[in-house]
PDB file of N, CA and C in Angstrom:
ATOM      1  N   UNK A   1      -6.930  11.692  -2.354  1.00  0.00           N
ATOM      2  CA  UNK A   1      -7.873  10.428  -2.462  1.00  0.00           C
ATOM      3  C   UNK A   1      -7.535  10.360  -4.295  1.00  0.00           C
ATOM      4  N   UNK A   2      -7.592   8.868  -4.549  1.00  0.00           N
ATOM      5  CA  UNK A   2      -7.588   8.425  -5.993  1.00  0.00           C
ATOM      6  C   UNK A   2      -8.237   7.759  -6.753  1.00  0.00           C
ATOM      7  N   UNK A   3      -8.652   7.762  -7.935  1.00  0.00           N
ATOM      8  CA  UNK A   3      -9.691   7.151  -8.800  1.00  0.00           C
ATOM      9  C   UNK A   3      -9.522   6.436  -9.721  1.00  0.00           C
ATOM     10  N   UNK A   4      -9.784   4.935  -9.259  1.00  0.00           N
ATOM     11  CA  UNK A   4      -9.924   4.251 -10.419  1.00  0.00           C
ATOM     12  C   UNK A   4     -10.908   3.794 -10.757  1.00  0.00           C
ATOM     13  N   UNK A   5     -10.990   2.601 -11.642  1.00  0.00           N
ATOM     14  CA  UNK A   5     -11.813   2.011 -13.034  1.00  0.00           C
ATOM     15  C   UNK A   5     -11.612   0.226 -11.586  1.00  0.00           C
ATOM     16  N   UNK A   6     -12.819  -0.435 -11.477  1.00  0.00           N
ATOM     17  CA  UNK A   6     -12.952  -1.637 -11.264  1.00  0.00           C
ATOM     18  C   UNK A   6     -12.441  -2.556 -12.365  1.00  0.00           C
ATOM     19  N   UNK A   7     -11.352  -3.189 -11.856  1.00  0.00           N
ATOM     20  CA  UNK A   7     -11.046  -4.407 -13.611  1.00  0.00           C
ATOM     21  C   UNK A   7     -10.185  -4.100 -13.803  1.00  0.00           C
ATOM     22  N   UNK A   8      -9.334  -2.588 -14.148  1.00  0.00           N
ATOM     23  CA  UNK A   8      -8.718  -2.065 -14.433  1.00  0.00           C
ATOM     24  C   UNK A   8      -7.123  -1.985 -13.413  1.00  0.00           C
ATOM     25  N   UNK A   9      -6.143  -2.964 -13.841  1.00  0.00           N
ATOM     26  CA  UNK A   9      -5.001  -2.978 -12.524  1.00  0.00           C
ATOM     27  C   UNK A   9      -4.209  -1.762 -12.218  1.00  0.00           C
ATOM     28  N   UNK A  10      -4.544  -1.369 -10.973  1.00  0.00           N
ATOM     29  CA  UNK A  10      -3.911  -0.316 -10.018  1.00  0.00           C
ATOM     30  C   UNK A  10      -2.257  -0.423 -10.118  1.00  0.00           C
ATOM     31  N   UNK A  11      -1.369   0.623 -10.380  1.00  0.00           N
ATOM     32  CA  UNK A  11       0.211   0.353 -10.273  1.00  0.00           C
ATOM     33  C   UNK A  11       0.180   0.799  -8.959  1.00  0.00           C
ATOM     34  N   UNK A  12       0.960   0.166  -8.075  1.00  0.00           N
ATOM     35  CA  UNK A  12       1.553   0.576  -6.610  1.00  0.00           C
ATOM     36  C   UNK A  12       2.863   1.416  -6.445  1.00  0.00           C
ATOM     37  N   UNK A  13       3.612   2.437  -6.280  1.00  0.00           N
ATOM     38  CA  UNK A  13       4.705   2.675  -5.991  1.00  0.00           C
ATOM     39  C   UNK A  13       5.045   3.003  -5.032  1.00  0.00           C
ATOM     40  N   UNK A  14       6.168   2.798  -4.176  1.00  0.00           N
ATOM     41  CA  UNK A  14       6.349   3.196  -2.643  1.00  0.00           C
ATOM     42  C   UNK A  14       7.534   3.155  -2.577  1.00  0.00           C
ATOM     43  N   UNK A  15       7.783   4.959  -2.211  1.00  0.00           N
ATOM     44  CA  UNK A  15       9.083   4.903  -2.523  1.00  0.00           C
ATOM     45  C   UNK A  15       9.833   5.602  -0.687  1.00  0.00           C
ATOM     46  N   UNK A  16      10.513   4.956  -0.088  1.00  0.00           N
ATOM     47  CA  UNK A  16      11.536   4.964   1.096  1.00  0.00           C
ATOM     48  C   UNK A  16      12.475   6.011   0.668  1.00  0.00           C
ATOM     49  N   UNK A  17      12.728   6.949   1.523  1.00  0.00           N
ATOM     50  CA  UNK A  17      14.298   7.289   1.773  1.00  0.00           C
ATOM     51  C   UNK A  17      14.732   7.385   3.256  1.00  0.00           C
ATOM     52  N   UNK A  18      15.963   7.158   3.336  1.00  0.00           N
ATOM     53  CA  UNK A  18      16.460   6.844   4.496  1.00  0.00           C
ATOM     54  C   UNK A  18      17.014   8.607   5.143  1.00  0.00           C
ATOM     55  N   UNK A  19      16.520   9.283   5.774  1.00  0.00           N
ATOM     56  CA  UNK A  19      17.246  10.305   5.998  1.00  0.00           C
ATOM     57  C   UNK A  19      17.773  10.365   7.101  1.00  0.00           C
ATOM     58  N   UNK A  20      18.326   9.203   8.320  1.00  0.00           N
ATOM     59  CA  UNK A  20      18.605   8.857   9.372  1.00  0.00           C
ATOM     60  C   UNK A  20      20.648   8.645   8.608  1.00  0.00           C
ATOM     61  N   UNK A  21      21.262   8.971  10.003  1.00  0.00           N
ATOM     62  CA  UNK A  21      22.549   8.858   9.881  1.00  0.00           C
ATOM     63  C   UNK A  21      23.537   7.153   9.569  1.00  0.00           C
ATOM     64  N   UNK A  22      22.256   5.815   9.495  1.00  0.00           N
ATOM     65  CA  UNK A  22      22.925   4.551   9.683  1.00  0.00           C
ATOM     66  C   UNK A  22      22.130   4.051   8.810  1.00  0.00           C
ATOM     67  N   UNK A  23      22.731   2.891   8.349  1.00  0.00           N
ATOM     68  CA  UNK A  23      22.035   2.191   7.493  1.00  0.00           C
ATOM     69  C   UNK A  23      20.947   1.739   7.898  1.00  0.00           C
ATOM     70  N   UNK A  24      19.963   1.664   7.357  1.00  0.00           N
ATOM     71  CA  UNK A  24      18.811   0.783   8.111  1.00  0.00           C
ATOM     72  C   UNK A  24      18.798  -0.613   7.483  1.00  0.00           C
ATOM     73  N   UNK A  25      17.428  -1.668   7.834  1.00  0.00           N
ATOM     74  CA  UNK A  25      17.382  -2.952   7.320  1.00  0.00           C
ATOM     75  C   UNK A  25      18.001  -4.286   8.103  1.00  0.00           C
ATOM     76  N   UNK A  26      17.780  -4.977   7.245  1.00  0.00           N
ATOM     77  CA  UNK A  26      16.541  -5.570   6.332  1.00  0.00           C
ATOM     78  C   UNK A  26      15.153  -5.698   7.397  1.00  0.00           C
ATOM     79  N   UNK A  27      14.230  -5.834   6.396  1.00  0.00           N
ATOM     80  CA  UNK A  27      12.618  -5.121   6.996  1.00  0.00           C
ATOM     81  C   UNK A  27      11.706  -5.392   5.729  1.00  0.00           C
ATOM     82  N   UNK A  28      10.608  -6.086   6.375  1.00  0.00           N
ATOM     83  CA  UNK A  28       9.438  -5.944   5.053  1.00  0.00           C
ATOM     84  C   UNK A  28       8.284  -4.375   5.032  1.00  0.00           C
ATOM     85  N   UNK A  29       8.140  -4.346   4.361  1.00  0.00           N
ATOM     86  CA  UNK A  29       7.049  -4.026   4.024  1.00  0.00           C
ATOM     87  C   UNK A  29       5.919  -4.454   3.656  1.00  0.00           C
ATOM     88  N   UNK A  30       4.245  -4.055   4.231  1.00  0.00           N
ATOM     89  CA  UNK A  30       3.061  -4.534   3.979  1.00  0.00           C
ATOM     90  C   UNK A  30       2.108  -3.977   3.270  1.00  0.00           C
ATOM     91  N   UNK A  31       1.464  -4.069   2.322  1.00  0.00           N
ATOM     92  CA  UNK A  31       0.118  -3.246   2.229  1.00  0.00           C
ATOM     93  C   UNK A  31      -0.839  -3.977   2.493  1.00  0.00           C
ATOM     94  N   UNK A  32      -1.531  -2.996   3.157  1.00  0.00           N
ATOM     95  CA  UNK A  32      -3.025  -3.750   3.787  1.00  0.00           C
ATOM     96  C   UNK A  32      -4.340  -2.871   3.297  1.00  0.00           C
ATOM     97  N   UNK A  33      -5.327  -3.876   2.371  1.00  0.00           N
ATOM     98  CA  UNK A  33      -6.048  -2.726   2.133  1.00  0.00           C
ATOM     99  C   UNK A  33      -7.494  -3.329   3.056  1.00  0.00           C
ATOM    100  N   UNK A  34      -8.020  -1.870   3.603  1.00  0.00           N
ATOM    101  CA  UNK A  34      -9.564  -2.484   4.065  1.00  0.00           C
ATOM    102  C   UNK A  34     -10.398  -0.881   3.889  1.00  0.00           C
ATOM    103  N   UNK A  35     -11.781  -1.473   4.469  1.00  0.00           N
ATOM    104  CA  UNK A  35     -12.948  -0.573   4.232  1.00  0.00           C
ATOM    105  C   UNK A  35     -12.951  -0.007   5.809  1.00  0.00           C
ATOM    106  N   UNK A  36     -12.915   1.388   5.482  1.00  0.00           N
ATOM    107  CA  UNK A  36     -13.960   1.911   6.878  1.00  0.00           C
ATOM    108  C   UNK A  36     -15.223   2.234   6.763  1.00  0.00           C
ATOM    109  N   UNK A  37     -16.026   1.860   7.713  1.00  0.00           N
ATOM    110  CA  UNK A  37     -17.583   2.131   7.661  1.00  0.00           C
ATOM    111  C   UNK A  37     -18.066   3.150   8.444  1.00  0.00           C
ATOM    112  N   UNK A  38     -16.699   4.194   8.450  1.00  0.00           N
ATOM    113  CA  UNK A  38     -17.439   5.420   9.266  1.00  0.00           C
ATOM    114  C   UNK A  38     -17.760   5.062  10.809  1.00  0.00           C
ATOM    115  N   UNK A  39     -17.885   4.262  11.169  1.00  0.00           N
ATOM    116  CA  UNK A  39     -18.433   4.197  12.550  1.00  0.00           C
ATOM    117  C   UNK A  39     -16.974   3.700  13.476  1.00  0.00           C
ATOM    118  N   UNK A  40     -16.139   3.632  12.748  1.00  0.00           N
ATOM    119  CA  UNK A  40     -14.899   3.138  13.833  1.00  0.00           C
ATOM    120  C   UNK A  40     -14.535   1.742  13.773  1.00  0.00           C
ATOM    121  N   UNK A  41     -14.924   0.990  12.312  1.00  0.00           N
ATOM    122  CA  UNK A  41     -15.396  -0.761  12.232  1.00  0.00           C
ATOM    123  C   UNK A  41     -14.241  -0.307  10.632  1.00  0.00           C
ATOM    124  N   UNK A  42     -12.745  -1.145  11.219  1.00  0.00           N
ATOM    125  CA  UNK A  42     -12.561  -1.261   9.607  1.00  0.00           C
ATOM    126  C   UNK A  42     -12.541  -2.666   9.285  1.00  0.00           C
ATOM    127  N   UNK A  43     -12.806  -2.852   8.006  1.00  0.00           N
ATOM    128  CA  UNK A  43     -13.137  -4.122   7.562  1.00  0.00           C
ATOM    129  C   UNK A  43     -11.705  -4.708   6.793  1.00  0.00           C
ATOM    130  N   UNK A  44     -10.920  -5.656   7.324  1.00  0.00           N
ATOM    131  CA  UNK A  44      -9.998  -6.076   6.624  1.00  0.00           C
ATOM    132  C   UNK A  44     -10.154  -7.502   5.456  1.00  0.00           C
ATOM    133  N   UNK A  45     -11.423  -7.932   5.977  1.00  0.00           N
ATOM    134  CA  UNK A  45     -11.815  -8.982   4.582  1.00  0.00           C
ATOM    135  C   UNK A  45     -12.004  -9.014   3.519  1.00  0.00           C
ATOM    136  N   UNK A  46     -11.271  -8.287   2.287  1.00  0.00           N
ATOM    137  CA  UNK A  46     -11.557  -7.766   1.334  1.00  0.00           C
ATOM    138  C   UNK A  46     -11.329  -9.123  -0.083  1.00  0.00           C
ATOM    139  N   UNK A  47     -11.543 -10.176   0.369  1.00  0.00           N
ATOM    140  CA  UNK A  47     -11.051 -11.093  -0.714  1.00  0.00           C
ATOM    141  C   UNK A  47     -11.974 -11.191  -1.835  1.00  0.00           C
ATOM    142  N   UNK A  48     -12.979 -10.703  -1.786  1.00  0.00           N
ATOM    143  CA  UNK A  48     -13.720 -10.907  -3.044  1.00  0.00           C
ATOM    144  C   UNK A  48     -13.932  -9.169  -3.925  1.00  0.00           C
ATOM    145  N   UNK A  49     -13.108  -8.480  -3.261  1.00  0.00           N
ATOM    146  CA  UNK A  49     -12.821  -7.431  -3.623  1.00  0.00           C
ATOM    147  C   UNK A  49     -11.795  -6.594  -3.982  1.00  0.00           C
ATOM    148  N   UNK A  50     -10.995  -6.780  -3.685  1.00  0.00           N
ATOM    149  CA  UNK A  50      -9.402  -6.935  -4.417  1.00  0.00           C
ATOM    150  C   UNK A  50      -8.920  -7.668  -4.193  1.00  0.00           C
ATOM    151  N   UNK A  51      -8.058  -7.641  -5.300  1.00  0.00           N
ATOM    152  CA  UNK A  51      -6.551  -8.479  -5.563  1.00  0.00           C
ATOM    153  C   UNK A  51      -5.513  -7.992  -5.851  1.00  0.00           C
ATOM    154  N   UNK A  52      -4.041  -8.185  -5.508  1.00  0.00           N
ATOM    155  CA  UNK A  52      -3.106  -7.967  -5.940  1.00  0.00           C
ATOM    156  C   UNK A  52      -2.374  -8.646  -6.810  1.00  0.00           C
ATOM    157  N   UNK A  53      -1.495  -8.125  -7.512  1.00  0.00           N
ATOM    158  CA  UNK A  53      -1.026  -8.446  -8.452  1.00  0.00           C
ATOM    159  C   UNK A  53       0.369  -9.239  -8.116  1.00  0.00           C
ATOM    160  N   UNK A  54       0.663 -10.296  -8.152  1.00  0.00           N
ATOM    161  CA  UNK A  54       1.924 -10.617  -7.057  1.00  0.00           C
ATOM    162  C   UNK A  54       1.327 -10.705  -5.584  1.00  0.00           C
ATOM    163  N   UNK A  55       2.521  -9.972  -5.094  1.00  0.00           N
ATOM    164  CA  UNK A  55       2.814 -10.002  -3.530  1.00  0.00           C
ATOM    165  C   UNK A  55       2.125  -8.703  -2.731  1.00  0.00           C
ATOM    166  N   UNK A  56       1.656  -8.637  -1.501  1.00  0.00           N
ATOM    167  CA  UNK A  56       1.715  -7.544  -1.151  1.00  0.00           C
ATOM    168  C   UNK A  56       2.231  -7.086   0.147  1.00  0.00           C
ATOM    169  N   UNK A  57       3.444  -7.593   0.032  1.00  0.00           N
ATOM    170  CA  UNK A  57       4.715  -7.853   1.180  1.00  0.00           C
ATOM    171  C   UNK A  57       6.108  -7.588   0.028  1.00  0.00           C
ATOM    172  N   UNK A  58       6.409  -6.575   0.838  1.00  0.00           N
ATOM    173  CA  UNK A  58       8.113  -6.177  -0.503  1.00  0.00           C
ATOM    174  C   UNK A  58       9.172  -6.374   0.667  1.00  0.00           C
ATOM    175  N   UNK A  59       9.821  -6.847   0.189  1.00  0.00           N
ATOM    176  CA  UNK A  59      11.286  -6.959   1.227  1.00  0.00           C
ATOM    177  C   UNK A  59      12.402  -6.255   0.793  1.00  0.00           C
ATOM    178  N   UNK A  60      13.106  -5.726   2.032  1.00  0.00           N
ATOM    179  CA  UNK A  60      13.684  -4.905   1.574  1.00  0.00           C
ATOM    180  C   UNK A  60      14.952  -4.770   2.508  1.00  0.00           C
ATOM    181  N   UNK A  61      16.551  -5.122   1.861  1.00  0.00           N
ATOM    182  CA  UNK A  61      17.046  -5.711   2.366  1.00  0.00           C
ATOM    183  C   UNK A  61      18.148  -4.688   3.492  1.00  0.00           C
ATOM    184  N   UNK A  62      18.860  -3.696   2.713  1.00  0.00           N
ATOM    185  CA  UNK A  62      19.364  -2.595   3.842  1.00  0.00           C
ATOM    186  C   UNK A  62      18.705  -0.723   2.993  1.00  0.00           C
ATOM    187  N   UNK A  63      18.674   0.302   3.157  1.00  0.00           N
ATOM    188  CA  UNK A  63      19.112   1.032   2.124  1.00  0.00           C
ATOM    189  C   UNK A  63      20.213   2.153   3.372  1.00  0.00           C
ATOM    190  N   UNK A  64      20.735   2.598   2.852  1.00  0.00           N
ATOM    191  CA  UNK A  64      22.094   3.567   2.895  1.00  0.00           C
ATOM    192  C   UNK A  64      21.594   4.905   2.902  1.00  0.00           C
ATOM    193  N   UNK A  65      22.132   5.749   3.933  1.00  0.00           N
ATOM    194  CA  UNK A  65      21.884   6.602   4.593  1.00  0.00           C
ATOM    195  C   UNK A  65      21.688   7.861   3.366  1.00  0.00           C
ATOM    196  N   UNK A  66      20.458   8.763   3.377  1.00  0.00           N
ATOM    197  CA  UNK A  66      20.086   9.468   1.668  1.00  0.00           C
ATOM    198  C   UNK A  66      19.314   8.844   1.103  1.00  0.00           C
ATOM    199  N   UNK A  67      19.335   7.459   0.795  1.00  0.00           N
ATOM    200  CA  UNK A  67      19.740   6.725  -0.393  1.00  0.00           C
ATOM    201  C   UNK A  67      18.539   6.112  -0.511  1.00  0.00           C
ATOM    202  N   UNK A  68      17.540   5.805  -1.753  1.00  0.00           N
ATOM    203  CA  UNK A  68      15.830   5.465  -1.241  1.00  0.00           C
ATOM    204  C   UNK A  68      15.702   3.985  -1.555  1.00  0.00           C
ATOM    205  N   UNK A  69      14.601   3.141  -1.236  1.00  0.00           N
ATOM    206  CA  UNK A  69      14.425   1.851  -1.434  1.00  0.00           C
ATOM    207  C   UNK A  69      13.134   1.851  -2.143  1.00  0.00           C
ATOM    208  N   UNK A  70      12.621   1.652  -3.270  1.00  0.00           N
ATOM    209  CA  UNK A  70      11.395   2.107  -4.169  1.00  0.00           C
ATOM    210  C   UNK A  70      10.584   0.159  -4.137  1.00  0.00           C
ATOM    211  N   UNK A  71       9.313   0.170  -3.558  1.00  0.00           N
ATOM    212  CA  UNK A  71       8.295  -0.795  -4.190  1.00  0.00           C
ATOM    213  C   UNK A  71       7.560  -0.743  -4.621  1.00  0.00           C
ATOM    214  N   UNK A  72       7.324  -1.803  -5.678  1.00  0.00           N
ATOM    215  CA  UNK A  72       6.518  -1.451  -7.183  1.00  0.00           C
ATOM    216  C   UNK A  72       5.120  -3.121  -6.810  1.00  0.00           C
ATOM    217  N   UNK A  73       4.348  -2.500  -7.070  1.00  0.00           N
ATOM    218  CA  UNK A  73       3.667  -4.085  -7.271  1.00  0.00           C
ATOM    219  C   UNK A  73       2.598  -3.063  -8.110  1.00  0.00           C
ATOM    220  N   UNK A  74       0.919  -4.464  -7.701  1.00  0.00           N
ATOM    221  CA  UNK A  74      -0.353  -3.412  -8.607  1.00  0.00           C
ATOM    222  C   UNK A  74      -1.187  -4.436  -7.958  1.00  0.00           C
ATOM    223  N   UNK A  75      -2.464  -4.170  -8.459  1.00  0.00           N
ATOM    224  CA  UNK A  75      -3.808  -4.837  -7.994  1.00  0.00           C
ATOM    225  C   UNK A  75      -4.817  -4.280  -8.449  1.00  0.00           C
ATOM    226  N   UNK A  76      -6.018  -4.778  -8.153  1.00  0.00           N
ATOM    227  CA  UNK A  76      -7.400  -4.302  -8.846  1.00  0.00           C
ATOM    228  C   UNK A  76      -8.429  -4.606  -8.319  1.00  0.00           C
ATOM    229  N   UNK A  77      -9.343  -3.805  -8.045  1.00  0.00           N
ATOM    230  CA  UNK A  77     -10.416  -3.911  -7.831  1.00  0.00           C
ATOM    231  C   UNK A  77     -11.315  -4.870  -8.825  1.00  0.00           C
ATOM    232  N   UNK A  78     -12.220  -5.449  -7.365  1.00  0.00           N
ATOM    233  CA  UNK A  78     -13.339  -6.151  -8.162  1.00  0.00           C
ATOM    234  C   UNK A  78     -14.402  -5.728  -8.226  1.00  0.00           C
ATOM    235  N   UNK A  79     -15.014  -5.089  -7.326  1.00  0.00           N
ATOM    236  CA  UNK A  79     -16.782  -4.338  -6.787  1.00  0.00           C
ATOM    237  C   UNK A  79     -15.931  -3.012  -6.970  1.00  0.00           C
ATOM    238  N   UNK A  80     -17.107  -2.268  -6.834  1.00  0.00           N
ATOM    239  CA  UNK A  80     -16.897  -0.602  -6.566  1.00  0.00           C
ATOM    240  C   UNK A  80     -16.544  -0.169  -5.097  1.00  0.00           C
ATOM    241  N   UNK A  81     -16.469   0.651  -4.798  1.00  0.00           N
ATOM    242  CA  UNK A  81     -16.254   1.089  -3.475  1.00  0.00           C
ATOM    243  C   UNK A  81     -15.555   2.175  -2.944  1.00  0.00           C
ATOM    244  N   UNK A  82     -15.126   2.336  -2.205  1.00  0.00           N
ATOM    245  CA  UNK A  82     -14.474   3.892  -0.987  1.00  0.00           C
ATOM    246  C   UNK A  82     -13.188   2.421  -0.301  1.00  0.00           C
ATOM    247  N   UNK A  83     -12.123   2.382  -0.468  1.00  0.00           N
ATOM    248  CA  UNK A  83     -11.071   1.809   0.010  1.00  0.00           C
ATOM    249  C   UNK A  83      -9.528   2.201   1.002  1.00  0.00           C
ATOM    250  N   UNK A  84      -9.319   1.739   1.665  1.00  0.00           N
ATOM    251  CA  UNK A  84      -7.582   2.374   2.224  1.00  0.00           C
ATOM    252  C   UNK A  84      -6.860   1.586   1.657  1.00  0.00           C
ATOM    253  N   UNK A  85      -5.372   1.617   2.232  1.00  0.00           N
ATOM    254  CA  UNK A  85      -4.510   1.369   1.840  1.00  0.00           C
ATOM    255  C   UNK A  85      -3.563   1.625   3.334  1.00  0.00           C
ATOM    256  N   UNK A  86      -3.445   0.503   4.187  1.00  0.00           N
ATOM    257  CA  UNK A  86      -2.257   1.139   5.212  1.00  0.00           C
ATOM    258  C   UNK A  86      -0.857   0.285   4.536  1.00  0.00           C
ATOM    259  N   UNK A  87      -0.194   1.064   4.973  1.00  0.00           N
ATOM    260  CA  UNK A  87       1.610   0.685   4.333  1.00  0.00           C
ATOM    261  C   UNK A  87       1.906   0.578   5.991  1.00  0.00           C
ATOM    262  N   UNK A  88       2.540  -0.575   6.396  1.00  0.00           N
ATOM    263  CA  UNK A  88       3.091  -0.940   7.330  1.00  0.00           C
ATOM    264  C   UNK A  88       4.501  -2.140   7.278  1.00  0.00           C
ATOM    265  N   UNK A  89       5.334  -1.346   8.254  1.00  0.00           N
ATOM    266  CA  UNK A  89       6.538  -2.366   8.940  1.00  0.00           C
ATOM    267  C   UNK A  89       6.964  -3.181   9.209  1.00  0.00           C
ATOM    268  N   UNK A  90       7.370  -4.323   8.896  1.00  0.00           N
ATOM    269  CA  UNK A  90       7.609  -5.333  10.210  1.00  0.00           C
ATOM    270  C   UNK A  90       8.870  -5.682  10.534  1.00  0.00           C
ATOM    271  N   UNK A  91       9.629  -5.709  11.521  1.00  0.00           N
ATOM    272  CA  UNK A  91      11.373  -5.811  11.719  1.00  0.00           C
ATOM    273  C   UNK A  91      11.119  -6.167  12.971  1.00  0.00           C
ATOM    274  N   UNK A  92      11.584  -7.484  12.655  1.00  0.00           N
ATOM    275  CA  UNK A  92      11.507  -8.543  13.702  1.00  0.00           C
ATOM    276  C   UNK A  92      12.737  -8.202  15.144  1.00  0.00           C
ATOM    277  N   UNK A  93      13.442  -6.909  14.494  1.00  0.00           N
ATOM    278  CA  UNK A  93      14.811  -6.740  15.740  1.00  0.00           C
ATOM    279  C   UNK A  93      14.524  -5.636  16.163  1.00  0.00           C
ATOM    280  N   UNK A  94      13.840  -5.432  17.686  1.00  0.00           N
ATOM    281  CA  UNK A  94      13.694  -4.246  18.693  1.00  0.00           C
ATOM    282  C   UNK A  94      14.989  -3.091  18.323  1.00  0.00           C
ATOM    283  N   UNK A  95      16.655  -3.798  18.218  1.00  0.00           N
ATOM    284  CA  UNK A  95      17.356  -2.714  18.743  1.00  0.00           C
ATOM    285  C   UNK A  95      17.721  -2.298  17.431  1.00  0.00           C
ATOM    286  N   UNK A  96      17.135  -1.908  16.195  1.00  0.00           N
ATOM    287  CA  UNK A  96      16.997  -1.324  15.083  1.00  0.00           C
ATOM    288  C   UNK A  96      16.636   0.066  14.982  1.00  0.00           C
ATOM    289  N   UNK A  97      17.076   0.796  14.922  1.00  0.00           N
ATOM    290  CA  UNK A  97      16.382   2.106  15.111  1.00  0.00           C
ATOM    291  C   UNK A  97      15.690   3.100  12.880  1.00  0.00           C
ATOM    292  N   UNK A  98      14.866   2.560  12.960  1.00  0.00           N
ATOM    293  CA  UNK A  98      14.282   2.831  11.862  1.00  0.00           C
ATOM    294  C   UNK A  98      13.686   3.916  12.268  1.00  0.00           C
ATOM    295  N   UNK A  99      13.633   5.316  11.252  1.00  0.00           N
ATOM    296  CA  UNK A  99      13.447   6.620  11.190  1.00  0.00           C
ATOM    297  C   UNK A  99      11.314   6.557  11.496  1.00  0.00           C
ATOM    298  N   UNK A 100      11.324   6.954  12.490  1.00  0.00           N
ATOM    299  CA  UNK A 100       9.899   7.132  13.150  1.00  0.00           C
ATOM    300  C   UNK A 100       8.610   7.861  12.148  1.00  0.00           C
ATOM    301  N   UNK A 101       9.529   8.311  10.738  1.00  0.00           N
ATOM    302  CA  UNK A 101       8.370   8.391  10.332  1.00  0.00           C
ATOM    303  C   UNK A 101       7.968   7.352   9.100  1.00  0.00           C
ATOM    304  N   UNK A 102       8.955   6.464   9.126  1.00  0.00           N
ATOM    305  CA  UNK A 102       8.410   5.105   8.385  1.00  0.00           C
ATOM    306  C   UNK A 102       7.350   4.537   8.953  1.00  0.00           C
ATOM    307  N   UNK A 103       7.188   4.464  10.183  1.00  0.00           N
ATOM    308  CA  UNK A 103       5.836   4.152  11.172  1.00  0.00           C
ATOM    309  C   UNK A 103       4.841   4.850  10.918  1.00  0.00           C
ATOM    310  N   UNK A 104       4.713   6.281  10.884  1.00  0.00           N
ATOM    311  CA  UNK A 104       3.562   7.011  10.514  1.00  0.00           C
ATOM    312  C   UNK A 104       2.831   7.645   9.067  1.00  0.00           C
ATOM    313  N   UNK A 105       3.350   5.997   8.276  1.00  0.00           N
ATOM    314  CA  UNK A 105       2.449   6.832   6.903  1.00  0.00           C
ATOM    315  C   UNK A 105       1.289   6.721   6.797  1.00  0.00           C
ATOM    316  N   UNK A 106       0.463   7.514   6.017  1.00  0.00           N
ATOM    317  CA  UNK A 106      -0.663   7.808   6.163  1.00  0.00           C
ATOM    318  C   UNK A 106      -1.189   6.783   5.364  1.00  0.00           C
ATOM    319  N   UNK A 107      -2.821   6.936   5.081  1.00  0.00           N
ATOM    320  CA  UNK A 107      -3.427   5.879   4.994  1.00  0.00           C
ATOM    321  C   UNK A 107      -3.520   6.212   2.952  1.00  0.00           C
ATOM    322  N   UNK A 108      -3.725   5.823   2.478  1.00  0.00           N
ATOM    323  CA  UNK A 108      -3.767   6.125   0.880  1.00  0.00           C
ATOM    324  C   UNK A 108      -5.507   5.962   0.229  1.00  0.00           C
ATOM    325  N   UNK A 109      -6.156   6.100   0.151  1.00  0.00           N
ATOM    326  CA  UNK A 109      -7.786   7.021  -0.045  1.00  0.00           C
ATOM    327  C   UNK A 109      -8.038   6.482  -1.223  1.00  0.00           C
ATOM    328  N   UNK A 110      -8.639   5.193  -1.675  1.00  0.00           N
ATOM    329  CA  UNK A 110      -9.189   4.810  -2.788  1.00  0.00           C
ATOM    330  C   UNK A 110     -10.476   4.709  -3.521  1.00  0.00           C
ATOM    331  N   UNK A 111     -11.108   5.616  -4.170  1.00  0.00           N
ATOM    332  CA  UNK A 111     -12.169   4.690  -4.822  1.00  0.00           C
ATOM    333  C   UNK A 111     -12.445   4.595  -6.126  1.00  0.00           C
ATOM    334  N   UNK A 112     -13.038   3.238  -6.063  1.00  0.00           N
ATOM    335  CA  UNK A 112     -13.295   2.432  -7.042  1.00  0.00           C
ATOM    336  C   UNK A 112     -14.563   2.631  -8.045  1.00  0.00           C
ATOM    337  N   UNK A 113     -14.690   2.397  -9.402  1.00  0.00           N
ATOM    338  CA  UNK A 113     -16.049   3.209  -9.964  1.00  0.00           C
ATOM    339  C   UNK A 113     -15.951   2.405 -10.845  1.00  0.00           C
ATOM    340  N   UNK A 114     -17.518   1.939 -11.213  1.00  0.00           N
ATOM    341  CA  UNK A 114     -17.314   0.878 -12.380  1.00  0.00           C
ATOM    342  C   UNK A 114     -16.904   2.009 -13.572  1.00  0.00           C
ATOM    343  N   UNK A 115     -16.506   0.804 -14.810  1.00  0.00           N
ATOM    344  CA  UNK A 115     -16.254   1.091 -16.050  1.00  0.00           C
ATOM    345  C   UNK A 115     -17.502   1.634 -16.824  1.00  0.00           C
ATOM    346  N   UNK A 116     -17.093   2.548 -17.625  1.00  0.00           N
ATOM    347  CA  UNK A 116     -18.170   3.037 -18.237  1.00  0.00           C
ATOM    348  C   UNK A 116     -18.392   2.703 -19.831  1.00  0.00           C
ATOM    349  N   UNK A 117     -19.310   2.269 -19.934  1.00  0.00           N
ATOM    350  CA  UNK A 117     -19.428   1.120 -20.717  1.00  0.00           C
ATOM    351  C   UNK A 117     -19.614   2.072 -21.881  1.00  0.00           C
ATOM    352  N   UNK A 118     -18.757   1.800 -23.056  1.00  0.00           N
ATOM    353  CA  UNK A 118     -19.000   2.797 -24.583  1.00  0.00           C
ATOM    354  C   UNK A 118     -19.278   1.972 -25.607  1.00  0.00           C
ATOM    355  N   UNK A 119     -20.760   3.048 -26.416  1.00  0.00           N
ATOM    356  CA  UNK A 119     -22.066   2.512 -26.920  1.00  0.00           C
ATOM    357  C   UNK A 119     -21.689   3.315 -28.438  1.00  0.00           C
ATOM    358  N   UNK A 120     -21.779   2.554 -29.573  1.00  0.00           N
ATOM    359  CA  UNK A 120     -21.102   3.026 -30.956  1.00  0.00           C
ATOM    360  C   UNK A 120     -22.830   4.258 -31.481  1.00  0.00           C
ATOM    361  N   UNK A 121     -22.712   4.713 -31.611  1.00  0.00           N
ATOM    362  CA  UNK A 121     -24.126   5.621 -31.857  1.00  0.00           C
ATOM    363  C   UNK A 121     -23.937   5.854 -33.459  1.00  0.00           C
TER     364      UNK A 121
END
């Protein structure tokens, strides 16, 4: 779990390593935020709670064997709460062989808390 403060930008970095013997790509990587209501329901409508600085989708041309692709982004939370980020791949070519591990990325759990107000005494 990652803790952050409401209103502070949160840097996002996703690194992918191609461990296959083939060059892969092009494809898109999309970061999808949601809240888990602990009853099997996921809420993806977070327009008032979170905003991305820039885009939440990254286009990757190709990744050669043993090389890495790195995607950088940022977002910020507007309200407190516990959130998750799903990282999904979009590839419109079913004949490609992307590494299976790229489709099984774990969700990232983030807790957004109020900023601590400092007072002078």
